[in-house]
Amino acid sequence: MDIKIHSIHFDADKKLVDFIDAKVKKLIQFHEGIIGTEVFLRLENDQSDENKVAEIRLDIPGSDIFAKKKTKSFEESTDNVIEALKRQLAKHKEKQRGV
């Protein structure tokens, strides 16, 4: 699986990149057919504490799966996005089995 991590308008430190890389690699347990993954990290320009956005797009055969979450930290945003993607992958698998 090819993982690309993009930090927009800031430089992500190695610790954050390694954390995201490890979390994304665990998604293979839920769907073996993941071809590639793109992760976008962004700081929103609003004044609230919850201004860290994580977006992940999974490229799987037949479609793409996408999730986006915004929280106080990139780690928390990543955790929330991963959970959303797990649910979407489970639904996708059920649809494929039902066909």
PDB file of N, CA and C in Angstrom:
ATOM      1  N   MET A   1       0.851  -1.181   0.000  1.00  0.00           N
ATOM      2  CA  MET A   1       0.000   0.000   0.000  1.00  0.00           C
ATOM      3  C   MET A   1       0.894   1.240   0.000  1.00  0.00           C
ATOM      4  N   ASP A   2       0.560   2.155  -0.875  1.00  0.00           N
ATOM      5  CA  ASP A   2       1.305   3.409  -1.005  1.00  0.00           C
ATOM      6  C   ASP A   2       0.637   4.475  -0.133  1.00  0.00           C
ATOM      7  N   ILE A   3       1.380   5.059   0.798  1.00  0.00           N
ATOM      8  CA  ILE A   3       0.834   6.089   1.697  1.00  0.00           C
ATOM      9  C   ILE A   3       1.532   7.411   1.418  1.00  0.00           C
ATOM     10  N   LYS A   4       0.731   8.432   1.093  1.00  0.00           N
ATOM     11  CA  LYS A   4       1.268   9.778   0.881  1.00  0.00           C
ATOM     12  C   LYS A   4       0.669  10.698   1.934  1.00  0.00           C
ATOM     13  N   ILE A   5       1.530  11.401   2.650  1.00  0.00           N
ATOM     14  CA  ILE A   5       1.078  12.325   3.691  1.00  0.00           C
ATOM     15  C   ILE A   5       1.453  13.740   3.266  1.00  0.00           C
ATOM     16  N   HIS A   6       0.433  14.603   3.185  1.00  0.00           N
ATOM     17  CA  HIS A   6       0.633  15.994   2.778  1.00  0.00           C
ATOM     18  C   HIS A   6       0.256  16.899   3.951  1.00  0.00           C
ATOM     19  N   SER A   7       1.193  17.722   4.389  1.00  0.00           N
ATOM     20  CA  SER A   7       0.867  18.727   5.398  1.00  0.00           C
ATOM     21  C   SER A   7       0.815  20.075   4.674  1.00  0.00           C
ATOM     22  N   ILE A   8      -0.342  20.683   4.739  1.00  0.00           N
ATOM     23  CA  ILE A   8      -0.603  21.893   3.963  1.00  0.00           C
ATOM     24  C   ILE A   8      -0.351  23.131   4.826  1.00  0.00           C
ATOM     25  N   HIS A   9       0.541  23.993   4.364  1.00  0.00           N
ATOM     26  CA  HIS A   9       0.908  25.262   5.012  1.00  0.00           C
ATOM     27  C   HIS A   9       1.635  25.096   6.343  1.00  0.00           C
ATOM     28  N   PHE A  10       2.210  23.907   6.595  1.00  0.00           N
ATOM     29  CA  PHE A  10       3.087  23.704   7.743  1.00  0.00           C
ATOM     30  C   PHE A  10       3.885  22.426   7.499  1.00  0.00           C
ATOM     31  N   ASP A  11       4.922  22.213   8.283  1.00  0.00           N
ATOM     32  CA  ASP A  11       5.727  21.005   8.168  1.00  0.00           C
ATOM     33  C   ASP A  11       5.413  20.076   9.332  1.00  0.00           C
ATOM     34  N   ALA A  12       4.917  18.893   9.014  1.00  0.00           N
ATOM     35  CA  ALA A  12       4.614  17.905  10.052  1.00  0.00           C
ATOM     36  C   ALA A  12       5.919  17.297  10.550  1.00  0.00           C
ATOM     37  N   ASP A  13       6.034  17.129  11.868  1.00  0.00           N
ATOM     38  CA  ASP A  13       7.248  16.528  12.404  1.00  0.00           C
ATOM     39  C   ASP A  13       7.233  15.005  12.195  1.00  0.00           C
ATOM     40  N   LYS A  14       8.372  14.397  12.329  1.00  0.00           N
ATOM     41  CA  LYS A  14       8.535  12.965  12.060  1.00  0.00           C
ATOM     42  C   LYS A  14       7.644  12.121  12.964  1.00  0.00           C
ATOM     43  N   LYS A  15       7.488  12.533  14.204  1.00  0.00           N
ATOM     44  CA  LYS A  15       6.673  11.795  15.166  1.00  0.00           C
ATOM     45  C   LYS A  15       5.214  11.715  14.695  1.00  0.00           C
ATOM     46  N   LEU A  16       4.682  12.824  14.200  1.00  0.00           N
ATOM     47  CA  LEU A  16       3.303  12.858  13.695  1.00  0.00           C
ATOM     48  C   LEU A  16       3.169  11.995  12.437  1.00  0.00           C
ATOM     49  N   VAL A  17       4.122  12.100  11.531  1.00  0.00           N
ATOM     50  CA  VAL A  17       4.090  11.310  10.298  1.00  0.00           C
ATOM     51  C   VAL A  17       4.147   9.817  10.622  1.00  0.00           C
ATOM     52  N   ASP A  18       5.004   9.426  11.554  1.00  0.00           N
ATOM     53  CA  ASP A  18       5.113   8.018  11.952  1.00  0.00           C
ATOM     54  C   ASP A  18       3.819   7.520  12.594  1.00  0.00           C
ATOM     55  N   PHE A  19       3.197   8.372  13.413  1.00  0.00           N
ATOM     56  CA  PHE A  19       1.929   8.025  14.065  1.00  0.00           C
ATOM     57  C   PHE A  19       0.858   7.758  13.011  1.00  0.00           C
ATOM     58  N   ILE A  20       0.731   8.661  12.048  1.00  0.00           N
ATOM     59  CA  ILE A  20      -0.280   8.520  11.005  1.00  0.00           C
ATOM     60  C   ILE A  20       0.009   7.295  10.144  1.00  0.00           C
ATOM     61  N   ASP A  21       1.269   7.093   9.794  1.00  0.00           N
ATOM     62  CA  ASP A  21       1.672   5.947   8.987  1.00  0.00           C
ATOM     63  C   ASP A  21       1.268   4.631   9.662  1.00  0.00           C
ATOM     64  N   ALA A  22       1.526   4.518  10.955  1.00  0.00           N
ATOM     65  CA  ALA A  22       1.185   3.297  11.696  1.00  0.00           C
ATOM     66  C   ALA A  22      -0.321   3.076  11.732  1.00  0.00           C
ATOM     67  N   LYS A  23      -1.085   4.135  11.962  1.00  0.00           N
ATOM     68  CA  LYS A  23      -2.544   4.026  12.021  1.00  0.00           C
ATOM     69  C   LYS A  23      -3.126   3.601  10.672  1.00  0.00           C
ATOM     70  N   VAL A  24      -2.638   4.204   9.608  1.00  0.00           N
ATOM     71  CA  VAL A  24      -3.160   3.907   8.272  1.00  0.00           C
ATOM     72  C   VAL A  24      -2.831   2.464   7.877  1.00  0.00           C
ATOM     73  N   LYS A  25      -1.640   2.003   8.213  1.00  0.00           N
ATOM     74  CA  LYS A  25      -1.253   0.627   7.863  1.00  0.00           C
ATOM     75  C   LYS A  25      -2.151  -0.405   8.522  1.00  0.00           C
ATOM     76  N   LYS A  26      -2.719  -0.082   9.678  1.00  0.00           N
ATOM     77  CA  LYS A  26      -3.612  -1.011  10.367  1.00  0.00           C
ATOM     78  C   LYS A  26      -4.936  -1.202   9.617  1.00  0.00           C
ATOM     79  N   LEU A  27      -5.266  -0.293   8.696  1.00  0.00           N
ATOM     80  CA  LEU A  27      -6.516  -0.425   7.940  1.00  0.00           C
ATOM     81  C   LEU A  27      -6.515  -1.645   7.021  1.00  0.00           C
ATOM     82  N   ILE A  28      -5.337  -2.188   6.726  1.00  0.00           N
ATOM     83  CA  ILE A  28      -5.262  -3.375   5.870  1.00  0.00           C
ATOM     84  C   ILE A  28      -5.970  -4.559   6.534  1.00  0.00           C
ATOM     85  N   GLN A  29      -6.058  -4.557   7.863  1.00  0.00           N
ATOM     86  CA  GLN A  29      -6.777  -5.613   8.574  1.00  0.00           C
ATOM     87  C   GLN A  29      -8.255  -5.630   8.184  1.00  0.00           C
ATOM     88  N   PHE A  30      -8.790  -4.501   7.774  1.00  0.00           N
ATOM     89  CA  PHE A  30     -10.212  -4.392   7.468  1.00  0.00           C
ATOM     90  C   PHE A  30     -10.525  -4.552   5.989  1.00  0.00           C
ATOM     91  N   HIS A  31      -9.514  -4.330   5.131  1.00  0.00           N
ATOM     92  CA  HIS A  31      -9.708  -4.491   3.681  1.00  0.00           C
ATOM     93  C   HIS A  31      -8.333  -4.710   3.056  1.00  0.00           C
ATOM     94  N   GLU A  32      -8.140  -5.904   2.474  1.00  0.00           N
ATOM     95  CA  GLU A  32      -6.834  -6.240   1.917  1.00  0.00           C
ATOM     96  C   GLU A  32      -6.559  -5.526   0.602  1.00  0.00           C
ATOM     97  N   GLY A  33      -7.590  -5.026  -0.047  1.00  0.00           N
ATOM     98  CA  GLY A  33      -7.445  -4.474  -1.385  1.00  0.00           C
ATOM     99  C   GLY A  33      -7.104  -2.995  -1.458  1.00  0.00           C
ATOM    100  N   ILE A  34      -6.652  -2.404  -0.374  1.00  0.00           N
ATOM    101  CA  ILE A  34      -6.319  -0.978  -0.400  1.00  0.00           C
ATOM    102  C   ILE A  34      -5.079  -0.782  -1.273  1.00  0.00           C
ATOM    103  N   ILE A  35      -5.226   0.016  -2.317  1.00  0.00           N
ATOM    104  CA  ILE A  35      -4.138   0.252  -3.262  1.00  0.00           C
ATOM    105  C   ILE A  35      -3.241   1.387  -2.778  1.00  0.00           C
ATOM    106  N   GLY A  36      -3.854   2.487  -2.395  1.00  0.00           N
ATOM    107  CA  GLY A  36      -3.099   3.658  -1.971  1.00  0.00           C
ATOM    108  C   GLY A  36      -3.896   4.499  -0.996  1.00  0.00           C
ATOM    109  N   THR A  37      -3.180   5.359  -0.303  1.00  0.00           N
ATOM    110  CA  THR A  37      -3.801   6.228   0.689  1.00  0.00           C
ATOM    111  C   THR A  37      -3.185   7.615   0.591  1.00  0.00           C
ATOM    112  N   GLU A  38      -4.044   8.624   0.622  1.00  0.00           N
ATOM    113  CA  GLU A  38      -3.568  10.012   0.686  1.00  0.00           C
ATOM    114  C   GLU A  38      -4.098  10.637   1.960  1.00  0.00           C
ATOM    115  N   VAL A  39      -3.195  11.236   2.725  1.00  0.00           N
ATOM    116  CA  VAL A  39      -3.546  11.893   3.975  1.00  0.00           C
ATOM    117  C   VAL A  39      -3.231  13.379   3.822  1.00  0.00           C
ATOM    118  N   PHE A  40      -4.225  14.217   4.138  1.00  0.00           N
ATOM    119  CA  PHE A  40      -4.034  15.669   4.095  1.00  0.00           C
ATOM    120  C   PHE A  40      -4.211  16.222   5.497  1.00  0.00           C
ATOM    121  N   LEU A  41      -3.218  16.961   5.980  1.00  0.00           N
ATOM    122  CA  LEU A  41      -3.272  17.617   7.282  1.00  0.00           C
ATOM    123  C   LEU A  41      -3.306  19.121   7.046  1.00  0.00           C
ATOM    124  N   ARG A  42      -4.264  19.788   7.665  1.00  0.00           N
ATOM    125  CA  ARG A  42      -4.433  21.226   7.442  1.00  0.00           C
ATOM    126  C   ARG A  42      -4.760  21.940   8.738  1.00  0.00           C
ATOM    127  N   LEU A  43      -4.280  23.162   8.851  1.00  0.00           N
ATOM    128  CA  LEU A  43      -4.668  24.049   9.949  1.00  0.00           C
ATOM    129  C   LEU A  43      -5.721  25.015   9.409  1.00  0.00           C
ATOM    130  N   GLU A  44      -6.891  25.020  10.033  1.00  0.00           N
ATOM    131  CA  GLU A  44      -7.939  25.955   9.630  1.00  0.00           C
ATOM    132  C   GLU A  44      -7.623  27.331  10.226  1.00  0.00           C
ATOM    133  N   ASN A  45      -8.110  28.363   9.579  1.00  0.00           N
ATOM    134  CA  ASN A  45      -7.815  29.723  10.028  1.00  0.00           C
ATOM    135  C   ASN A  45      -8.871  30.300  10.967  1.00  0.00           C
ATOM    136  N   ASP A  46      -9.658  29.448  11.605  1.00  0.00           N
ATOM    137  CA  ASP A  46     -10.637  29.988  12.542  1.00  0.00           C
ATOM    138  C   ASP A  46     -10.013  30.145  13.925  1.00  0.00           C
ATOM    139  N   GLN A  47     -10.703  30.831  14.813  1.00  0.00           N
ATOM    140  CA  GLN A  47     -10.158  31.168  16.118  1.00  0.00           C
ATOM    141  C   GLN A  47     -10.414  30.105  17.184  1.00  0.00           C
ATOM    142  N   SER A  48     -11.150  29.049  16.847  1.00  0.00           N
ATOM    143  CA  SER A  48     -11.461  28.025  17.842  1.00  0.00           C
ATOM    144  C   SER A  48     -10.257  27.105  18.069  1.00  0.00           C
ATOM    145  N   ASP A  49     -10.307  26.343  19.166  1.00  0.00           N
ATOM    146  CA  ASP A  49      -9.249  25.376  19.463  1.00  0.00           C
ATOM    147  C   ASP A  49      -9.263  24.224  18.471  1.00  0.00           C
ATOM    148  N   GLU A  50     -10.451  23.883  17.991  1.00  0.00           N
ATOM    149  CA  GLU A  50     -10.590  22.758  17.076  1.00  0.00           C
ATOM    150  C   GLU A  50     -10.319  23.218  15.642  1.00  0.00           C
ATOM    151  N   ASN A  51      -9.030  23.372  15.313  1.00  0.00           N
ATOM    152  CA  ASN A  51      -8.672  23.877  13.990  1.00  0.00           C
ATOM    153  C   ASN A  51      -7.720  22.943  13.244  1.00  0.00           C
ATOM    154  N   LYS A  52      -7.527  21.713  13.749  1.00  0.00           N
ATOM    155  CA  LYS A  52      -6.642  20.745  13.092  1.00  0.00           C
ATOM    156  C   LYS A  52      -7.500  19.765  12.294  1.00  0.00           C
ATOM    157  N   VAL A  53      -7.301  19.735  10.985  1.00  0.00           N
ATOM    158  CA  VAL A  53      -8.116  18.906  10.105  1.00  0.00           C
ATOM    159  C   VAL A  53      -7.277  17.778   9.518  1.00  0.00           C
ATOM    160  N   ALA A  54      -7.819  16.570   9.586  1.00  0.00           N
ATOM    161  CA  ALA A  54      -7.201  15.408   8.939  1.00  0.00           C
ATOM    162  C   ALA A  54      -8.200  14.847   7.935  1.00  0.00           C
ATOM    163  N   GLU A  55      -7.728  14.641   6.712  1.00  0.00           N
ATOM    164  CA  GLU A  55      -8.545  14.043   5.659  1.00  0.00           C
ATOM    165  C   GLU A  55      -7.785  12.838   5.124  1.00  0.00           C
ATOM    166  N   ILE A  56      -8.483  11.731   4.949  1.00  0.00           N
ATOM    167  CA  ILE A  56      -7.847  10.536   4.393  1.00  0.00           C
ATOM    168  C   ILE A  56      -8.719   9.995   3.271  1.00  0.00           C
ATOM    169  N   ARG A  57      -8.070   9.710   2.143  1.00  0.00           N
ATOM    170  CA  ARG A  57      -8.744   9.105   1.002  1.00  0.00           C
ATOM    171  C   ARG A  57      -8.074   7.762   0.729  1.00  0.00           C
ATOM    172  N   LEU A  58      -8.889   6.699   0.757  1.00  0.00           N
ATOM    173  CA  LEU A  58      -8.395   5.354   0.461  1.00  0.00           C
ATOM    174  C   LEU A  58      -8.767   4.994  -0.962  1.00  0.00           C
ATOM    175  N   ASP A  59      -7.811   4.505  -1.706  1.00  0.00           N
ATOM    176  CA  ASP A  59      -8.057   4.050  -3.071  1.00  0.00           C
ATOM    177  C   ASP A  59      -8.204   2.529  -3.030  1.00  0.00           C
ATOM    178  N   ILE A  60      -9.434   2.063  -3.239  1.00  0.00           N
ATOM    179  CA  ILE A  60      -9.686   0.627  -3.267  1.00  0.00           C
ATOM    180  C   ILE A  60     -10.301   0.280  -4.612  1.00  0.00           C
ATOM    181  N   PRO A  61     -10.171  -0.972  -5.055  1.00  0.00           N
ATOM    182  CA  PRO A  61     -10.723  -1.337  -6.359  1.00  0.00           C
ATOM    183  C   PRO A  61     -12.219  -1.023  -6.452  1.00  0.00           C
ATOM    184  N   GLY A  62     -12.573  -0.272  -7.462  1.00  0.00           N
ATOM    185  CA  GLY A  62     -13.979   0.046  -7.692  1.00  0.00           C
ATOM    186  C   GLY A  62     -14.436   1.378  -7.138  1.00  0.00           C
ATOM    187  N   SER A  63     -13.733   1.930  -6.156  1.00  0.00           N
ATOM    188  CA  SER A  63     -14.169   3.216  -5.605  1.00  0.00           C
ATOM    189  C   SER A  63     -13.094   3.811  -4.701  1.00  0.00           C
ATOM    190  N   ASP A  64     -13.390   4.988  -4.197  1.00  0.00           N
ATOM    191  CA  ASP A  64     -12.562   5.652  -3.199  1.00  0.00           C
ATOM    192  C   ASP A  64     -13.395   5.802  -1.938  1.00  0.00           C
ATOM    193  N   ILE A  65     -12.739   5.751  -0.804  1.00  0.00           N
ATOM    194  CA  ILE A  65     -13.414   5.996   0.469  1.00  0.00           C
ATOM    195  C   ILE A  65     -12.720   7.194   1.105  1.00  0.00           C
ATOM    196  N   PHE A  66     -13.533   8.142   1.601  1.00  0.00           N
ATOM    197  CA  PHE A  66     -12.996   9.406   2.100  1.00  0.00           C
ATOM    198  C   PHE A  66     -13.613   9.736   3.454  1.00  0.00           C
ATOM    199  N   ALA A  67     -12.790  10.293   4.346  1.00  0.00           N
ATOM    200  CA  ALA A  67     -13.286  10.787   5.627  1.00  0.00           C
ATOM    201  C   ALA A  67     -12.478  12.013   6.025  1.00  0.00           C
ATOM    202  N   LYS A  68     -13.150  12.916   6.752  1.00  0.00           N
ATOM    203  CA  LYS A  68     -12.526  14.173   7.184  1.00  0.00           C
ATOM    204  C   LYS A  68     -13.010  14.474   8.595  1.00  0.00           C
ATOM    205  N   LYS A  69     -12.086  14.825   9.477  1.00  0.00           N
ATOM    206  CA  LYS A  69     -12.440  15.182  10.853  1.00  0.00           C
ATOM    207  C   LYS A  69     -11.617  16.381  11.296  1.00  0.00           C
ATOM    208  N   LYS A  70     -12.206  17.152  12.220  1.00  0.00           N
ATOM    209  CA  LYS A  70     -11.571  18.379  12.716  1.00  0.00           C
ATOM    210  C   LYS A  70     -11.651  18.379  14.240  1.00  0.00           C
ATOM    211  N   THR A  71     -10.477  18.430  14.901  1.00  0.00           N
ATOM    212  CA  THR A  71     -10.428  18.434  16.365  1.00  0.00           C
ATOM    213  C   THR A  71      -9.304  19.346  16.862  1.00  0.00           C
ATOM    214  N   LYS A  72      -8.953  19.183  18.135  1.00  0.00           N
ATOM    215  CA  LYS A  72      -7.922  20.018  18.753  1.00  0.00           C
ATOM    216  C   LYS A  72      -6.503  19.591  18.415  1.00  0.00           C
ATOM    217  N   SER A  73      -6.305  18.326  18.011  1.00  0.00           N
ATOM    218  CA  SER A  73      -4.958  17.855  17.682  1.00  0.00           C
ATOM    219  C   SER A  73      -5.009  16.973  16.442  1.00  0.00           C
ATOM    220  N   PHE A  74      -3.890  16.895  15.741  1.00  0.00           N
ATOM    221  CA  PHE A  74      -3.843  16.053  14.543  1.00  0.00           C
ATOM    222  C   PHE A  74      -3.965  14.575  14.908  1.00  0.00           C
ATOM    223  N   GLU A  75      -3.440  14.176  16.077  1.00  0.00           N
ATOM    224  CA  GLU A  75      -3.542  12.790  16.498  1.00  0.00           C
ATOM    225  C   GLU A  75      -5.002  12.400  16.724  1.00  0.00           C
ATOM    226  N   GLU A  76      -5.747  13.256  17.402  1.00  0.00           N
ATOM    227  CA  GLU A  76      -7.157  12.983  17.662  1.00  0.00           C
ATOM    228  C   GLU A  76      -7.954  12.981  16.354  1.00  0.00           C
ATOM    229  N   SER A  77      -7.663  13.934  15.479  1.00  0.00           N
ATOM    230  CA  SER A  77      -8.335  13.975  14.176  1.00  0.00           C
ATOM    231  C   SER A  77      -8.055  12.694  13.393  1.00  0.00           C
ATOM    232  N   THR A  78      -6.815  12.247  13.410  1.00  0.00           N
ATOM    233  CA  THR A  78      -6.440  11.019  12.696  1.00  0.00           C
ATOM    234  C   THR A  78      -7.167   9.819  13.279  1.00  0.00           C
ATOM    235  N   ASP A  79      -7.209   9.714  14.605  1.00  0.00           N
ATOM    236  CA  ASP A  79      -7.931   8.606  15.245  1.00  0.00           C
ATOM    237  C   ASP A  79      -9.395   8.588  14.817  1.00  0.00           C
ATOM    238  N   ASN A  80     -10.031   9.757  14.819  1.00  0.00           N
ATOM    239  CA  ASN A  80     -11.446   9.851  14.438  1.00  0.00           C
ATOM    240  C   ASN A  80     -11.659   9.477  12.972  1.00  0.00           C
ATOM    241  N   VAL A  81     -10.760   9.920  12.105  1.00  0.00           N
ATOM    242  CA  VAL A  81     -10.867   9.600  10.681  1.00  0.00           C
ATOM    243  C   VAL A  81     -10.691   8.094  10.475  1.00  0.00           C
ATOM    244  N   ILE A  82      -9.740   7.494  11.157  1.00  0.00           N
ATOM    245  CA  ILE A  82      -9.498   6.054  11.031  1.00  0.00           C
ATOM    246  C   ILE A  82     -10.743   5.273  11.453  1.00  0.00           C
ATOM    247  N   GLU A  83     -11.373   5.680  12.551  1.00  0.00           N
ATOM    248  CA  GLU A  83     -12.597   5.007  13.001  1.00  0.00           C
ATOM    249  C   GLU A  83     -13.708   5.125  11.954  1.00  0.00           C
ATOM    250  N   ALA A  84     -13.858   6.309  11.370  1.00  0.00           N
ATOM    251  CA  ALA A  84     -14.871   6.510  10.326  1.00  0.00           C
ATOM    252  C   ALA A  84     -14.567   5.631   9.107  1.00  0.00           C
ATOM    253  N   LEU A  85     -13.299   5.530   8.751  1.00  0.00           N
ATOM    254  CA  LEU A  85     -12.916   4.706   7.607  1.00  0.00           C
ATOM    255  C   LEU A  85     -13.152   3.225   7.886  1.00  0.00           C
ATOM    256  N   LYS A  86     -12.926   2.785   9.113  1.00  0.00           N
ATOM    257  CA  LYS A  86     -13.185   1.383   9.464  1.00  0.00           C
ATOM    258  C   LYS A  86     -14.658   1.047   9.237  1.00  0.00           C
ATOM    259  N   ARG A  87     -15.549   1.955   9.673  1.00  0.00           N
ATOM    260  CA  ARG A  87     -16.984   1.730   9.474  1.00  0.00           C
ATOM    261  C   ARG A  87     -17.324   1.690   7.983  1.00  0.00           C
ATOM    262  N   GLN A  88     -16.748   2.620   7.217  1.00  0.00           N
ATOM    263  CA  GLN A  88     -17.021   2.659   5.778  1.00  0.00           C
ATOM    264  C   GLN A  88     -16.492   1.410   5.070  1.00  0.00           C
ATOM    265  N   LEU A  89     -15.318   0.929   5.476  1.00  0.00           N
ATOM    266  CA  LEU A  89     -14.759  -0.279   4.873  1.00  0.00           C
ATOM    267  C   LEU A  89     -15.634  -1.498   5.184  1.00  0.00           C
ATOM    268  N   ALA A  90     -16.152  -1.560   6.408  1.00  0.00           N
ATOM    269  CA  ALA A  90     -17.038  -2.672   6.777  1.00  0.00           C
ATOM    270  C   ALA A  90     -18.304  -2.648   5.916  1.00  0.00           C
ATOM    271  N   LYS A  91     -18.898  -1.462   5.722  1.00  0.00           N
ATOM    272  CA  LYS A  91     -20.087  -1.334   4.871  1.00  0.00           C
ATOM    273  C   LYS A  91     -19.771  -1.720   3.433  1.00  0.00           C
ATOM    274  N   HIS A  92     -18.615  -1.285   2.954  1.00  0.00           N
ATOM    275  CA  HIS A  92     -18.206  -1.580   1.578  1.00  0.00           C
ATOM    276  C   HIS A  92     -18.061  -3.089   1.376  1.00  0.00           C
ATOM    277  N   LYS A  93     -17.455  -3.757   2.341  1.00  0.00           N
ATOM    278  CA  LYS A  93     -17.280  -5.218   2.267  1.00  0.00           C
ATOM    279  C   LYS A  93     -18.630  -5.921   2.261  1.00  0.00           C
ATOM    280  N   GLU A  94     -19.566  -5.456   3.113  1.00  0.00           N
ATOM    281  CA  GLU A  94     -20.894  -6.065   3.175  1.00  0.00           C
ATOM    282  C   GLU A  94     -21.606  -5.914   1.834  1.00  0.00           C
ATOM    283  N   LYS A  95     -21.505  -4.757   1.209  1.00  0.00           N
ATOM    284  CA  LYS A  95     -22.125  -4.534  -0.100  1.00  0.00           C
ATOM    285  C   LYS A  95     -21.553  -5.481  -1.139  1.00  0.00           C
ATOM    286  N   GLN A  96     -20.224  -5.671  -1.107  1.00  0.00           N
ATOM    287  CA  GLN A  96     -19.581  -6.552  -2.088  1.00  0.00           C
ATOM    288  C   GLN A  96     -20.007  -8.003  -1.883  1.00  0.00           C
ATOM    289  N   ARG A  97     -20.156  -8.416  -0.658  1.00  0.00           N
ATOM    290  CA  ARG A  97     -20.589  -9.785  -0.378  1.00  0.00           C
ATOM    291  C   ARG A  97     -22.030 -10.002  -0.796  1.00  0.00           C
ATOM    292  N   GLY A  98     -22.843  -8.960  -0.642  1.00  0.00           N
ATOM    293  CA  GLY A  98     -24.261  -9.054  -0.983  1.00  0.00           C
ATOM    294  C   GLY A  98     -24.541  -9.086  -2.476  1.00  0.00           C
ATOM    295  N   VAL A  99     -23.572  -8.641  -3.257  1.00  0.00           N
ATOM    296  CA  VAL A  99     -23.779  -8.560  -4.712  1.00  0.00           C
ATOM    297  C   VAL A  99     -23.666  -9.918  -5.350  1.00  0.00           C
TER     298      VAL A  99
END
